[in-house]
Amino acid sequence: MRTAADKIYAVLTAILVLGIVVQFFLAGLGVFGVDGHKDLGKATSLDPHRALGDILAAVALLMLIAALVAHVEKLAMWGSLALVLLIGGAQTALAAGGENHHWLGGLHALDGVLILGLAGYMHRTSRPRLRLRS
């Protein structure tokens, strides 16, 4: 069961990294598709970005569960927890706060870069363990 969970963890990290790259594209597409809305919360052009964000939050949570079941090293468990908190909590709060305080919207984008880096690191570190456990 631990080996299967470790493989699932590695696959989820890859999905997360790919999904985050798509998130950046959808954010740009959505912002440049805003059609006269002063309130980004009402801009439907950002709906795909929001929907994928919800999906990625779920992927991060599944990743944490797989890490716990697989008994991966503590750094991977803490990194997975950090991704859950950054994607599910910080990103949502920063996006909402960015409506009234643009600097929070800027932090939303920077947090996305941090999330991408952490997810990439988590994926990179999961690869060697897969080869050892196969």
Protein backbone atom coordinates (compact mmCIF):
# COMPACT_ATOMS: atom_id res chain seq x y z
CA MET A 1 0.00 0.00 0.00
CA ARG A 2 2.86 2.38 0.80
CA THR A 3 4.46 1.81 -2.61
CA ALA A 4 1.17 2.48 -4.39
CA ALA A 5 0.62 5.62 -2.33
CA ASP A 6 4.14 6.78 -3.18
CA LYS A 7 3.47 6.29 -6.90
CA ILE A 8 0.17 8.15 -6.57
CA TYR A 9 2.00 10.94 -4.74
CA ALA A 10 4.54 11.27 -7.58
CA VAL A 11 1.81 11.32 -10.22
CA LEU A 12 -0.14 13.93 -8.26
CA THR A 13 2.95 16.13 -7.98
CA ALA A 14 3.35 15.99 -11.76
CA ILE A 15 -0.33 16.83 -12.26
CA LEU A 16 0.00 19.71 -9.82
CA VAL A 17 3.02 21.19 -11.61
CA LEU A 18 1.32 20.93 -14.99
CA GLY A 19 -1.89 22.38 -13.56
CA ILE A 20 -0.04 25.34 -12.08
CA VAL A 21 1.56 26.15 -15.43
CA VAL A 22 -1.91 26.06 -16.99
CA GLN A 23 -3.10 28.33 -14.14
CA PHE A 24 -0.66 31.04 -15.19
CA PHE A 25 -1.94 30.81 -18.76
CA LEU A 26 -5.57 30.95 -17.62
CA ALA A 27 -4.84 33.95 -15.38
CA GLY A 28 -3.34 35.87 -18.30
CA LEU A 29 -6.14 34.79 -20.60
CA GLY A 30 -8.71 35.83 -18.03
CA VAL A 31 -7.19 39.20 -17.23
CA PHE A 32 -6.80 40.14 -20.87
CA GLY A 33 -10.34 38.90 -21.49
CA VAL A 34 -11.86 41.19 -18.86
CA ASP A 35 -14.44 43.18 -20.74
CA GLY A 36 -15.06 46.49 -19.00
CA HIS A 37 -15.45 44.99 -15.50
CA LYS A 38 -14.00 47.09 -12.74
CA ASP A 39 -14.76 44.24 -10.34
CA LEU A 40 -12.63 41.19 -11.22
CA GLY A 41 -14.87 39.09 -8.98
CA LYS A 42 -17.63 39.48 -11.57
CA ALA A 43 -15.41 38.87 -14.61
CA THR A 44 -16.47 35.56 -16.14
CA SER A 45 -13.25 35.44 -18.15
CA LEU A 46 -11.49 34.37 -14.92
CA ASP A 47 -13.91 31.50 -14.23
CA PRO A 48 -11.62 28.80 -15.74
CA HIS A 49 -8.74 30.10 -13.58
CA ARG A 50 -10.94 29.95 -10.47
CA ALA A 51 -12.24 26.47 -11.31
CA LEU A 52 -8.76 25.07 -11.91
CA GLY A 53 -7.62 26.65 -8.64
CA ASP A 54 -10.29 24.67 -6.80
CA ILE A 55 -9.19 21.49 -8.58
CA LEU A 56 -5.54 22.13 -7.74
CA ALA A 57 -6.44 22.65 -4.08
CA ALA A 58 -8.06 19.21 -4.13
CA VAL A 59 -5.01 17.70 -5.87
CA ALA A 60 -2.76 19.20 -3.18
CA LEU A 61 -4.96 17.70 -0.47
CA LEU A 62 -4.86 14.27 -2.16
CA MET A 63 -1.09 14.67 -2.43
CA LEU A 64 -0.86 15.27 1.32
CA ILE A 65 -2.99 12.20 2.02
CA ALA A 66 -0.83 10.07 -0.31
CA ALA A 67 2.33 11.40 1.40
CA LEU A 68 0.97 10.45 4.81
CA VAL A 69 -0.04 6.96 3.66
CA ALA A 70 3.29 6.41 1.89
CA HIS A 71 5.23 7.57 4.96
CA VAL A 72 7.50 9.72 2.81
CA GLU A 73 10.20 11.79 4.47
CA LYS A 74 9.12 14.64 6.70
CA LEU A 75 10.18 17.31 4.21
CA ALA A 76 7.74 15.90 1.64
CA MET A 77 4.93 15.75 4.19
CA TRP A 78 5.55 19.32 5.37
CA GLY A 79 5.91 20.50 1.78
CA SER A 80 2.61 18.87 0.89
CA LEU A 81 0.94 20.52 3.86
CA ALA A 82 2.42 23.87 2.83
CA LEU A 83 1.00 23.41 -0.68
CA VAL A 84 -2.46 22.71 0.73
CA LEU A 85 -2.29 25.87 2.84
CA LEU A 86 -0.82 28.04 0.08
CA ILE A 87 -3.20 26.87 -2.65
CA GLY A 88 -6.35 26.39 -0.60
CA GLY A 89 -5.96 29.24 1.84
CA ALA A 90 -3.44 31.90 0.90
CA GLN A 91 -4.32 32.09 -2.80
CA THR A 92 -8.02 32.48 -2.09
CA ALA A 93 -7.43 35.13 0.57
CA LEU A 94 -4.94 37.06 -1.54
CA ALA A 95 -7.22 37.03 -4.59
CA ALA A 96 -10.15 38.27 -2.53
CA GLY A 97 -8.02 40.92 -0.84
CA GLY A 98 -6.65 42.02 -4.21
CA GLU A 99 -10.07 43.40 -5.11
CA ASN A 100 -9.60 46.29 -2.67
CA HIS A 101 -5.83 46.31 -2.19
CA HIS A 102 -3.93 45.78 -5.42
CA TRP A 103 -0.72 44.89 -3.62
CA LEU A 104 -2.48 41.77 -2.29
CA GLY A 105 -3.31 40.88 -5.88
CA GLY A 106 0.38 41.19 -6.64
CA LEU A 107 1.14 38.84 -3.76
CA HIS A 108 -1.41 36.42 -5.25
CA ALA A 109 0.78 36.21 -8.36
CA LEU A 110 4.02 35.91 -6.35
CA ASP A 111 2.46 33.19 -4.22
CA GLY A 112 1.68 31.36 -7.45
CA VAL A 113 5.38 31.45 -8.35
CA LEU A 114 6.27 30.15 -4.87
CA ILE A 115 3.69 27.37 -5.24
CA LEU A 116 5.11 26.40 -8.65
CA GLY A 117 8.63 26.23 -7.24
CA LEU A 118 7.59 24.16 -4.24
CA ALA A 119 5.47 21.80 -6.35
CA GLY A 120 8.35 21.37 -8.82
CA TYR A 121 10.71 20.59 -5.96
CA MET A 122 8.23 18.10 -4.49
CA HIS A 123 7.91 16.38 -7.86
CA ARG A 124 11.67 16.30 -8.43
CA THR A 125 12.29 14.73 -5.03
CA SER A 126 9.58 12.10 -5.56
CA ARG A 127 11.19 10.67 -8.70
CA PRO A 128 14.21 8.87 -7.18
CA ARG A 129 12.05 7.19 -4.52
CA LEU A 130 9.85 5.75 -7.22
CA ARG A 131 12.83 4.08 -8.89
CA LEU A 132 14.00 2.62 -5.57
CA ARG A 133 10.60 1.22 -4.59
CA SER A 134 9.57 -0.21 -7.98
